[in-house]
Structure formats: C-alpha cells, structure tokens
PDB file of all heavy atoms in Angstrom:
ATOM      1  N   PHE A   1       0.866  -1.152   0.033  1.00  0.00           N
ATOM      2  CA  PHE A   1       0.031   0.005   0.033  1.00  0.00           C
ATOM      3  C   PHE A   1       0.914   1.203  -0.037  1.00  0.00           C
ATOM      4  O   PHE A   1       1.358   1.680   1.051  1.00  0.00           O
ATOM      5  CB  PHE A   1      -0.983  -0.006   1.154  1.00  0.00           C
ATOM      6  CG  PHE A   1      -1.976  -1.193   1.068  1.00  0.00           C
ATOM      7  CD1 PHE A   1      -1.719  -2.393   1.691  1.00  0.00           C
ATOM      8  CD2 PHE A   1      -3.116  -1.027   0.303  1.00  0.00           C
ATOM      9  CE1 PHE A   1      -2.583  -3.469   1.611  1.00  0.00           C
ATOM     10  CE2 PHE A   1      -3.969  -2.065   0.201  1.00  0.00           C
ATOM     11  CZ  PHE A   1      -3.695  -3.296   0.811  1.00  0.00           C
ATOM     12  N   ALA A   2       1.133   1.762  -1.182  1.00  0.00           N
ATOM     13  CA  ALA A   2       2.129   2.775  -1.398  1.00  0.00           C
ATOM     14  C   ALA A   2       1.719   4.141  -0.920  1.00  0.00           C
ATOM     15  O   ALA A   2       2.539   4.966  -0.431  1.00  0.00           O
ATOM     16  CB  ALA A   2       2.548   2.857  -2.863  1.00  0.00           C
ATOM     17  N   LYS A   3       0.410   4.446  -1.011  1.00  0.00           N
ATOM     18  CA  LYS A   3      -0.080   5.792  -0.688  1.00  0.00           C
ATOM     19  C   LYS A   3      -0.092   6.029   0.796  1.00  0.00           C
ATOM     20  O   LYS A   3      -0.422   5.124   1.582  1.00  0.00           O
ATOM     21  CB  LYS A   3      -1.464   6.035  -1.284  1.00  0.00           C
ATOM     22  CG  LYS A   3      -1.455   5.901  -2.797  1.00  0.00           C
ATOM     23  CD  LYS A   3      -2.848   6.066  -3.386  1.00  0.00           C
ATOM     24  CE  LYS A   3      -2.778   5.953  -4.925  1.00  0.00           C
ATOM     25  NZ  LYS A   3      -4.171   5.981  -5.533  1.00  0.00           N
ATOM     26  N   GLU A   4       0.417   7.208   1.248  1.00  0.00           N
ATOM     27  CA  GLU A   4       0.557   7.516   2.622  1.00  0.00           C
ATOM     28  C   GLU A   4      -0.814   7.442   3.407  1.00  0.00           C
ATOM     29  O   GLU A   4      -0.814   6.972   4.499  1.00  0.00           O
ATOM     30  CB  GLU A   4       1.101   8.962   2.781  1.00  0.00           C
ATOM     31  CG  GLU A   4       2.564   9.015   2.260  1.00  0.00           C
ATOM     32  CD  GLU A   4       3.511   8.137   3.061  1.00  0.00           C
ATOM     33  OE1 GLU A   4       3.319   7.972   4.264  1.00  0.00           O
ATOM     34  OE2 GLU A   4       4.486   7.677   2.452  1.00  0.00           O
ATOM     35  N   ASN A   5      -1.861   7.941   2.841  1.00  0.00           N
ATOM     36  CA  ASN A   5      -3.154   7.922   3.472  1.00  0.00           C
ATOM     37  C   ASN A   5      -3.631   6.508   3.775  1.00  0.00           C
ATOM     38  O   ASN A   5      -4.180   6.210   4.810  1.00  0.00           O
ATOM     39  CB  ASN A   5      -4.199   8.681   2.721  1.00  0.00           C
ATOM     40  CG  ASN A   5      -4.135   8.480   1.220  1.00  0.00           C
ATOM     41  OD1 ASN A   5      -4.025   7.318   0.861  1.00  0.00           O
ATOM     42  ND2 ASN A   5      -4.196   9.526   0.518  1.00  0.00           N
ATOM     43  N   GLU A   6      -3.382   5.632   2.855  1.00  0.00           N
ATOM     44  CA  GLU A   6      -3.781   4.231   2.979  1.00  0.00           C
ATOM     45  C   GLU A   6      -2.902   3.516   3.951  1.00  0.00           C
ATOM     46  O   GLU A   6      -3.414   2.697   4.812  1.00  0.00           O
ATOM     47  CB  GLU A   6      -3.801   3.554   1.586  1.00  0.00           C
ATOM     48  CG  GLU A   6      -4.725   4.182   0.586  1.00  0.00           C
ATOM     49  CD  GLU A   6      -4.683   3.515  -0.752  1.00  0.00           C
ATOM     50  OE1 GLU A   6      -3.744   2.697  -1.044  1.00  0.00           O
ATOM     51  OE2 GLU A   6      -5.585   3.811  -1.566  1.00  0.00           O
ATOM     52  N   ALA A   7      -1.642   3.824   3.996  1.00  0.00           N
ATOM     53  CA  ALA A   7      -0.749   3.217   5.017  1.00  0.00           C
ATOM     54  C   ALA A   7      -1.094   3.715   6.417  1.00  0.00           C
ATOM     55  O   ALA A   7      -1.030   3.003   7.463  1.00  0.00           O
ATOM     56  CB  ALA A   7       0.708   3.494   4.694  1.00  0.00           C
ATOM     57  N   ASN A   8      -1.536   5.010   6.508  1.00  0.00           N
ATOM     58  CA  ASN A   8      -2.037   5.535   7.792  1.00  0.00           C
ATOM     59  C   ASN A   8      -3.234   4.715   8.301  1.00  0.00           C
ATOM     60  O   ASN A   8      -3.276   4.385   9.514  1.00  0.00           O
ATOM     61  CB  ASN A   8      -2.427   6.965   7.605  1.00  0.00           C
ATOM     62  CG  ASN A   8      -1.294   7.904   7.755  1.00  0.00           C
ATOM     63  OD1 ASN A   8      -0.223   7.568   8.361  1.00  0.00           O
ATOM     64  ND2 ASN A   8      -1.370   9.125   7.210  1.00  0.00           N
ATOM     65  N   PHE A   9      -4.196   4.459   7.426  1.00  0.00           N
ATOM     66  CA  PHE A   9      -5.346   3.726   7.846  1.00  0.00           C
ATOM     67  C   PHE A   9      -4.989   2.288   8.268  1.00  0.00           C
ATOM     68  O   PHE A   9      -5.409   1.883   9.338  1.00  0.00           O
ATOM     69  CB  PHE A   9      -6.365   3.699   6.677  1.00  0.00           C
ATOM     70  CG  PHE A   9      -7.604   2.854   6.972  1.00  0.00           C
ATOM     71  CD1 PHE A   9      -8.569   3.334   7.788  1.00  0.00           C
ATOM     72  CD2 PHE A   9      -7.704   1.597   6.421  1.00  0.00           C
ATOM     73  CE1 PHE A   9      -9.763   2.604   8.087  1.00  0.00           C
ATOM     74  CE2 PHE A   9      -8.855   0.835   6.642  1.00  0.00           C
ATOM     75  CZ  PHE A   9      -9.891   1.357   7.471  1.00  0.00           C
ATOM     76  N   ILE A  10      -4.269   1.593   7.480  1.00  0.00           N
ATOM     77  CA  ILE A  10      -3.950   0.214   7.772  1.00  0.00           C
ATOM     78  C   ILE A  10      -3.039   0.105   8.983  1.00  0.00           C
ATOM     79  O   ILE A  10      -3.332  -0.753   9.853  1.00  0.00           O
ATOM     80  CB  ILE A  10      -3.189  -0.463   6.539  1.00  0.00           C
ATOM     81  CG1 ILE A  10      -4.249  -0.593   5.384  1.00  0.00           C
ATOM     82  CG2 ILE A  10      -2.701  -1.801   6.893  1.00  0.00           C
ATOM     83  CD1 ILE A  10      -3.569  -1.053   4.116  1.00  0.00           C
ATOM     84  N   GLY A  11      -2.067   0.995   9.133  1.00  0.00           N
ATOM     85  CA  GLY A  11      -1.239   0.917  10.319  1.00  0.00           C
ATOM     86  C   GLY A  11      -2.048   1.206  11.561  1.00  0.00           C
ATOM     87  O   GLY A  11      -1.813   0.458  12.547  1.00  0.00           O
ATOM     88  N   SER A  12      -2.936   2.196  11.607  1.00  0.00           N
ATOM     89  CA  SER A  12      -3.718   2.401  12.824  1.00  0.00           C
ATOM     90  C   SER A  12      -4.712   1.221  13.086  1.00  0.00           C
ATOM     91  O   SER A  12      -4.902   0.918  14.266  1.00  0.00           O
ATOM     92  CB  SER A  12      -4.444   3.705  12.697  1.00  0.00           C
ATOM     93  OG  SER A  12      -5.320   3.756  11.595  1.00  0.00           O
ATOM     94  N   MET A  13      -5.253   0.717  11.997  1.00  0.00           N
ATOM     95  CA  MET A  13      -6.166  -0.419  12.205  1.00  0.00           C
ATOM     96  C   MET A  13      -5.502  -1.625  12.805  1.00  0.00           C
ATOM     97  O   MET A  13      -6.001  -2.377  13.603  1.00  0.00           O
ATOM     98  CB  MET A  13      -6.812  -0.787  10.884  1.00  0.00           C
ATOM     99  CG  MET A  13      -7.779   0.241  10.332  1.00  0.00           C
ATOM    100  SD  MET A  13      -9.255   0.458  11.378  1.00  0.00           S
ATOM    101  CE  MET A  13      -9.982  -1.069  11.125  1.00  0.00           C
ATOM    102  N   ALA A  14      -4.225  -1.875  12.322  1.00  0.00           N
ATOM    103  CA  ALA A  14      -3.447  -3.015  12.931  1.00  0.00           C
ATOM    104  C   ALA A  14      -3.281  -2.817  14.407  1.00  0.00           C
ATOM    105  O   ALA A  14      -3.395  -3.744  15.231  1.00  0.00           O
ATOM    106  CB  ALA A  14      -2.116  -3.115  12.210  1.00  0.00           C
ATOM    107  N   CYS A  15      -2.990  -1.532  14.831  1.00  0.00           N
ATOM    108  CA  CYS A  15      -2.792  -1.262  16.255  1.00  0.00           C
ATOM    109  C   CYS A  15      -4.111  -1.469  17.009  1.00  0.00           C
ATOM    110  O   CYS A  15      -4.132  -2.017  18.110  1.00  0.00           O
ATOM    111  CB  CYS A  15      -2.273   0.193  16.405  1.00  0.00           C
ATOM    112  SG  CYS A  15      -0.629   0.463  15.941  1.00  0.00           S
ATOM    113  N   MET A  16      -5.214  -1.030  16.466  1.00  0.00           N
ATOM    114  CA  MET A  16      -6.504  -1.189  17.070  1.00  0.00           C
ATOM    115  C   MET A  16      -6.863  -2.642  17.295  1.00  0.00           C
ATOM    116  O   MET A  16      -7.514  -3.017  18.365  1.00  0.00           O
ATOM    117  CB  MET A  16      -7.623  -0.502  16.251  1.00  0.00           C
ATOM    118  CG  MET A  16      -7.528   1.008  16.180  1.00  0.00           C
ATOM    119  SD  MET A  16      -8.853   1.623  15.066  1.00  0.00           S
ATOM    120  CE  MET A  16      -8.237   3.219  14.609  1.00  0.00           C
ATOM    121  N   HIS A  17      -6.502  -3.484  16.391  1.00  0.00           N
ATOM    122  CA  HIS A  17      -6.835  -4.881  16.441  1.00  0.00           C
ATOM    123  C   HIS A  17      -5.831  -5.714  17.249  1.00  0.00           C
ATOM    124  O   HIS A  17      -6.039  -6.885  17.515  1.00  0.00           O
ATOM    125  CB  HIS A  17      -7.042  -5.490  15.094  1.00  0.00           C
ATOM    126  CG  HIS A  17      -8.361  -5.049  14.448  1.00  0.00           C
ATOM    127  ND1 HIS A  17      -8.484  -3.832  13.817  1.00  0.00           N
ATOM    128  CD2 HIS A  17      -9.533  -5.674  14.281  1.00  0.00           C
ATOM    129  CE1 HIS A  17      -9.684  -3.690  13.361  1.00  0.00           C
ATOM    130  NE2 HIS A  17     -10.342  -4.794  13.660  1.00  0.00           N
ATOM    131  N   SER A  18      -4.781  -5.070  17.677  1.00  0.00           N
ATOM    132  CA  SER A  18      -3.780  -5.772  18.556  1.00  0.00           C
ATOM    133  C   SER A  18      -4.368  -6.106  19.886  1.00  0.00           C
ATOM    134  O   SER A  18      -5.317  -5.462  20.339  1.00  0.00           O
ATOM    135  CB  SER A  18      -2.529  -4.855  18.698  1.00  0.00           C
ATOM    136  OG  SER A  18      -1.665  -5.393  19.645  1.00  0.00           O
ATOM    137  N   THR A  19      -3.820  -7.094  20.546  1.00  0.00           N
ATOM    138  CA  THR A  19      -4.245  -7.454  21.835  1.00  0.00           C
ATOM    139  C   THR A  19      -3.491  -6.682  22.921  1.00  0.00           C
ATOM    140  O   THR A  19      -3.779  -6.799  24.130  1.00  0.00           O
ATOM    141  CB  THR A  19      -4.077  -8.948  22.129  1.00  0.00           C
ATOM    142  OG1 THR A  19      -2.723  -9.315  21.900  1.00  0.00           O
ATOM    143  CG2 THR A  19      -4.906  -9.759  21.206  1.00  0.00           C
ATOM    144  N   ASP A  20      -2.508  -5.893  22.436  1.00  0.00           N
ATOM    145  CA  ASP A  20      -1.671  -5.144  23.393  1.00  0.00           C
ATOM    146  C   ASP A  20      -2.315  -3.775  23.695  1.00  0.00           C
ATOM    147  O   ASP A  20      -2.649  -2.982  22.719  1.00  0.00           O
ATOM    148  CB  ASP A  20      -0.265  -4.885  22.737  1.00  0.00           C
ATOM    149  CG  ASP A  20       0.684  -4.229  23.716  1.00  0.00           C
ATOM    150  OD1 ASP A  20       0.548  -2.972  23.972  1.00  0.00           O
ATOM    151  OD2 ASP A  20       1.569  -4.918  24.230  1.00  0.00           O
ATOM    152  N   PRO A  21      -2.553  -3.416  24.910  1.00  0.00           N
ATOM    153  CA  PRO A  21      -3.305  -2.223  25.241  1.00  0.00           C
ATOM    154  C   PRO A  21      -2.597  -0.924  24.790  1.00  0.00           C
ATOM    155  O   PRO A  21      -3.261   0.087  24.458  1.00  0.00           O
ATOM    156  CB  PRO A  21      -3.416  -2.234  26.832  1.00  0.00           C
ATOM    157  CG  PRO A  21      -2.313  -3.116  27.262  1.00  0.00           C
ATOM    158  CD  PRO A  21      -2.175  -4.134  26.125  1.00  0.00           C
ATOM    159  N   TYR A  22      -1.232  -0.934  24.749  1.00  0.00           N
ATOM    160  CA  TYR A  22      -0.504   0.289  24.248  1.00  0.00           C
ATOM    161  C   TYR A  22      -0.644   0.472  22.780  1.00  0.00           C
ATOM    162  O   TYR A  22      -0.760   1.635  22.320  1.00  0.00           O
ATOM    163  CB  TYR A  22       0.938   0.178  24.697  1.00  0.00           C
ATOM    164  CG  TYR A  22       1.159   0.299  26.226  1.00  0.00           C
ATOM    165  CD1 TYR A  22       1.331  -0.876  26.983  1.00  0.00           C
ATOM    166  CD2 TYR A  22       1.155   1.520  26.817  1.00  0.00           C
ATOM    167  CE1 TYR A  22       1.449  -0.791  28.355  1.00  0.00           C
ATOM    168  CE2 TYR A  22       1.351   1.631  28.197  1.00  0.00           C
ATOM    169  CZ  TYR A  22       1.477   0.476  28.964  1.00  0.00           C
ATOM    170  OH  TYR A  22       1.676   0.572  30.326  1.00  0.00           O
ATOM    171  N   PHE A  23      -0.685  -0.586  22.065  1.00  0.00           N
ATOM    172  CA  PHE A  23      -0.952  -0.518  20.606  1.00  0.00           C
ATOM    173  C   PHE A  23      -2.357  -0.032  20.375  1.00  0.00           C
ATOM    174  O   PHE A  23      -2.598   0.763  19.459  1.00  0.00           O
ATOM    175  CB  PHE A  23      -0.707  -1.915  19.991  1.00  0.00           C
ATOM    176  CG  PHE A  23       0.698  -2.190  19.482  1.00  0.00           C
ATOM    177  CD1 PHE A  23       1.701  -2.281  20.411  1.00  0.00           C
ATOM    178  CD2 PHE A  23       0.940  -2.408  18.190  1.00  0.00           C
ATOM    179  CE1 PHE A  23       3.027  -2.493  19.983  1.00  0.00           C
ATOM    180  CE2 PHE A  23       2.227  -2.685  17.736  1.00  0.00           C
ATOM    181  CZ  PHE A  23       3.255  -2.698  18.647  1.00  0.00           C
ATOM    182  N   GLN A  24      -3.303  -0.576  21.135  1.00  0.00           N
ATOM    183  CA  GLN A  24      -4.705  -0.132  20.898  1.00  0.00           C
ATOM    184  C   GLN A  24      -4.866   1.338  21.230  1.00  0.00           C
ATOM    185  O   GLN A  24      -5.538   2.045  20.445  1.00  0.00           O
ATOM    186  CB  GLN A  24      -5.593  -0.975  21.847  1.00  0.00           C
ATOM    187  CG  GLN A  24      -5.642  -2.406  21.496  1.00  0.00           C
ATOM    188  CD  GLN A  24      -6.348  -3.253  22.575  1.00  0.00           C
ATOM    189  OE1 GLN A  24      -6.487  -2.868  23.712  1.00  0.00           O
ATOM    190  NE2 GLN A  24      -6.907  -4.438  22.193  1.00  0.00           N
ATOM    191  N   TYR A  25      -4.209   1.834  22.248  1.00  0.00           N
ATOM    192  CA  TYR A  25      -4.291   3.244  22.589  1.00  0.00           C
ATOM    193  C   TYR A  25      -3.723   4.066  21.440  1.00  0.00           C
ATOM    194  O   TYR A  25      -4.213   5.097  21.005  1.00  0.00           O
ATOM    195  CB  TYR A  25      -3.567   3.530  23.905  1.00  0.00           C
ATOM    196  CG  TYR A  25      -3.534   5.020  24.162  1.00  0.00           C
ATOM    197  CD1 TYR A  25      -4.586   5.829  24.531  1.00  0.00           C
ATOM    198  CD2 TYR A  25      -2.228   5.608  24.076  1.00  0.00           C
ATOM    199  CE1 TYR A  25      -4.508   7.148  24.754  1.00  0.00           C
ATOM    200  CE2 TYR A  25      -2.120   7.013  24.337  1.00  0.00           C
ATOM    201  CZ  TYR A  25      -3.242   7.769  24.642  1.00  0.00           C
ATOM    202  OH  TYR A  25      -3.164   9.052  24.862  1.00  0.00           O
ATOM    203  N   SER A  26      -2.551   3.652  20.981  1.00  0.00           N
ATOM    204  CA  SER A  26      -1.869   4.360  19.895  1.00  0.00           C
ATOM    205  C   SER A  26      -2.699   4.466  18.647  1.00  0.00           C
ATOM    206  O   SER A  26      -2.814   5.502  17.975  1.00  0.00           O
ATOM    207  CB  SER A  26      -0.533   3.678  19.597  1.00  0.00           C
ATOM    208  OG  SER A  26       0.194   4.444  18.612  1.00  0.00           O
ATOM    209  N   GLY A  27      -3.340   3.304  18.313  1.00  0.00           N
ATOM    210  CA  GLY A  27      -4.188   3.288  17.092  1.00  0.00           C
ATOM    211  C   GLY A  27      -5.461   4.109  17.154  1.00  0.00           C
ATOM    212  O   GLY A  27      -5.806   4.887  16.269  1.00  0.00           O
ATOM    213  N   TYR A  28      -6.211   3.948  18.333  1.00  0.00           N
ATOM    214  CA  TYR A  28      -7.440   4.798  18.502  1.00  0.00           C
ATOM    215  C   TYR A  28      -7.131   6.229  18.641  1.00  0.00           C
ATOM    216  O   TYR A  28      -7.843   7.104  18.039  1.00  0.00           O
ATOM    217  CB  TYR A  28      -8.242   4.238  19.684  1.00  0.00           C
ATOM    218  CG  TYR A  28      -8.974   3.024  19.385  1.00  0.00           C
ATOM    219  CD1 TYR A  28      -8.698   1.833  19.972  1.00  0.00           C
ATOM    220  CD2 TYR A  28     -10.105   3.067  18.464  1.00  0.00           C
ATOM    221  CE1 TYR A  28      -9.376   0.645  19.678  1.00  0.00           C
ATOM    222  CE2 TYR A  28     -10.795   1.870  18.157  1.00  0.00           C
ATOM    223  CZ  TYR A  28     -10.432   0.674  18.764  1.00  0.00           C
ATOM    224  OH  TYR A  28     -11.155  -0.505  18.480  1.00  0.00           O
ATOM    225  N   SER A  29      -6.114   6.680  19.350  1.00  0.00           N
ATOM    226  CA  SER A  29      -5.870   8.086  19.566  1.00  0.00           C
ATOM    227  C   SER A  29      -5.325   8.694  18.259  1.00  0.00           C
ATOM    228  O   SER A  29      -5.529   9.891  17.948  1.00  0.00           O
ATOM    229  CB  SER A  29      -4.804   8.309  20.632  1.00  0.00           C
ATOM    230  OG  SER A  29      -3.569   7.646  20.344  1.00  0.00           O
ATOM    231  N   PHE A  30      -4.681   7.855  17.390  1.00  0.00           N
ATOM    232  CA  PHE A  30      -4.212   8.352  16.083  1.00  0.00           C
ATOM    233  C   PHE A  30      -5.430   8.667  15.218  1.00  0.00           C
ATOM    234  O   PHE A  30      -5.546   9.711  14.607  1.00  0.00           O
ATOM    235  CB  PHE A  30      -3.394   7.243  15.424  1.00  0.00           C
ATOM    236  CG  PHE A  30      -2.947   7.507  14.040  1.00  0.00           C
ATOM    237  CD1 PHE A  30      -1.704   8.128  13.758  1.00  0.00           C
ATOM    238  CD2 PHE A  30      -3.751   7.264  12.932  1.00  0.00           C
ATOM    239  CE1 PHE A  30      -1.296   8.422  12.462  1.00  0.00           C
ATOM    240  CE2 PHE A  30      -3.351   7.547  11.634  1.00  0.00           C
ATOM    241  CZ  PHE A  30      -2.153   8.074  11.423  1.00  0.00           C
ATOM    242  N   ALA A  31      -6.332   7.716  15.118  1.00  0.00           N
ATOM    243  CA  ALA A  31      -7.615   7.918  14.301  1.00  0.00           C
ATOM    244  C   ALA A  31      -8.405   9.053  14.866  1.00  0.00           C
ATOM    245  O   ALA A  31      -8.949   9.894  14.087  1.00  0.00           O
ATOM    246  CB  ALA A  31      -8.394   6.612  14.356  1.00  0.00           C
ATOM    247  N   LEU A  32      -8.534   9.141  16.217  1.00  0.00           N
ATOM    248  CA  LEU A  32      -9.323  10.276  16.704  1.00  0.00           C
ATOM    249  C   LEU A  32      -8.741  11.632  16.371  1.00  0.00           C
ATOM    250  O   LEU A  32      -9.465  12.528  16.005  1.00  0.00           O
ATOM    251  CB  LEU A  32      -9.338  10.097  18.252  1.00  0.00           C
ATOM    252  CG  LEU A  32     -10.031  11.229  19.056  1.00  0.00           C
ATOM    253  CD1 LEU A  32     -11.487  11.374  18.648  1.00  0.00           C
ATOM    254  CD2 LEU A  32      -9.936  10.987  20.609  1.00  0.00           C
ATOM    255  N   ARG A  33      -7.380  11.740  16.456  1.00  0.00           N
ATOM    256  CA  ARG A  33      -6.758  13.019  16.087  1.00  0.00           C
ATOM    257  C   ARG A  33      -7.046  13.485  14.714  1.00  0.00           C
ATOM    258  O   ARG A  33      -7.369  14.656  14.419  1.00  0.00           O
ATOM    259  CB  ARG A  33      -5.239  13.010  16.358  1.00  0.00           C
ATOM    260  CG  ARG A  33      -4.489  14.259  16.063  1.00  0.00           C
ATOM    261  CD  ARG A  33      -3.045  14.194  16.542  1.00  0.00           C
ATOM    262  NE  ARG A  33      -2.360  13.094  15.809  1.00  0.00           N
ATOM    263  CZ  ARG A  33      -1.709  13.323  14.571  1.00  0.00           C
ATOM    264  NH1 ARG A  33      -1.751  14.480  14.061  1.00  0.00           N
ATOM    265  NH2 ARG A  33      -1.090  12.312  14.066  1.00  0.00           N
ATOM    266  N   TYR A  34      -6.940  12.514  13.786  1.00  0.00           N
ATOM    267  CA  TYR A  34      -7.251  12.875  12.390  1.00  0.00           C
ATOM    268  C   TYR A  34      -8.697  13.301  12.181  1.00  0.00           C
ATOM    269  O   TYR A  34      -9.026  14.311  11.553  1.00  0.00           O
ATOM    270  CB  TYR A  34      -6.981  11.711  11.483  1.00  0.00           C
ATOM    271  CG  TYR A  34      -5.606  11.678  10.837  1.00  0.00           C
ATOM    272  CD1 TYR A  34      -4.518  11.098  11.500  1.00  0.00           C
ATOM    273  CD2 TYR A  34      -5.356  12.337   9.604  1.00  0.00           C
ATOM    274  CE1 TYR A  34      -3.255  11.111  10.973  1.00  0.00           C
ATOM    275  CE2 TYR A  34      -4.109  12.346   9.076  1.00  0.00           C
ATOM    276  CZ  TYR A  34      -3.030  11.746   9.737  1.00  0.00           C
ATOM    277  OH  TYR A  34      -1.833  11.753   9.184  1.00  0.00           O
ATOM    278  N   CYS A  35      -9.663  12.570  12.818  1.00  0.00           N
ATOM    279  CA  CYS A  35     -11.067  12.860  12.651  1.00  0.00           C
ATOM    280  C   CYS A  35     -11.492  14.160  13.376  1.00  0.00           C
ATOM    281  O   CYS A  35     -12.292  14.930  12.834  1.00  0.00           O
ATOM    282  CB  CYS A  35     -11.869  11.691  13.183  1.00  0.00           C
ATOM    283  SG  CYS A  35     -11.704  10.154  12.120  1.00  0.00           S
ATOM    284  N   VAL A  36     -10.907  14.409  14.525  1.00  0.00           N
ATOM    285  CA  VAL A  36     -11.286  15.667  15.224  1.00  0.00           C
ATOM    286  C   VAL A  36     -10.750  16.888  14.481  1.00  0.00           C
ATOM    287  O   VAL A  36     -11.459  17.895  14.350  1.00  0.00           O
ATOM    288  CB  VAL A  36     -10.654  15.626  16.699  1.00  0.00           C
ATOM    289  CG1 VAL A  36     -10.677  17.037  17.264  1.00  0.00           C
ATOM    290  CG2 VAL A  36     -11.428  14.720  17.541  1.00  0.00           C
ATOM    291  N   ASN A  37      -9.577  16.740  13.882  1.00  0.00           N
ATOM    292  CA  ASN A  37      -9.017  17.837  13.136  1.00  0.00           C
ATOM    293  C   ASN A  37      -9.821  18.145  11.895  1.00  0.00           C
ATOM    294  O   ASN A  37     -10.128  19.269  11.534  1.00  0.00           O
ATOM    295  CB  ASN A  37      -7.546  17.472  12.625  1.00  0.00           C
ATOM    296  CG  ASN A  37      -6.541  17.567  13.713  1.00  0.00           C
ATOM    297  OD1 ASN A  37      -6.799  18.224  14.792  1.00  0.00           O
ATOM    298  ND2 ASN A  37      -5.433  17.007  13.533  1.00  0.00           N
ATOM    299  N   ASP A  38     -10.410  17.075  11.280  1.00  0.00           N
ATOM    300  CA  ASP A  38     -11.230  17.259  10.088  1.00  0.00           C
ATOM    301  C   ASP A  38     -12.577  17.877  10.526  1.00  0.00           C
ATOM    302  O   ASP A  38     -13.135  18.727   9.838  1.00  0.00           O
ATOM    303  CB  ASP A  38     -11.533  15.925   9.440  1.00  0.00           C
ATOM    304  CG  ASP A  38     -12.128  16.087   8.076  1.00  0.00           C
ATOM    305  OD1 ASP A  38     -11.591  16.892   7.246  1.00  0.00           O
ATOM    306  OD2 ASP A  38     -13.171  15.439   7.745  1.00  0.00           O
TER     307      ASP A  38
END
C-alpha cells in the first residue's frame, strides 16, 4: 500500500486490532486526532 493515507489507515487499524493495550491506545488516539482535526 504505497499511498501515505492508505498506510495511515492500515497501520492504525493493525494497532486497534492488537491485543496489546498500548498498541490499541496508539491506534485509536491516532484515528481520533485525524477525525477531530477534520
């Protein structure tokens, strides 16, 4: 997935679906920041 926006989505989704709580926090807070800014 060469495009930056698509890599952003997939990378954050991988974190959200991780079983590690720090990964989950990183993924959800990443998505939230983008959406709140928009």
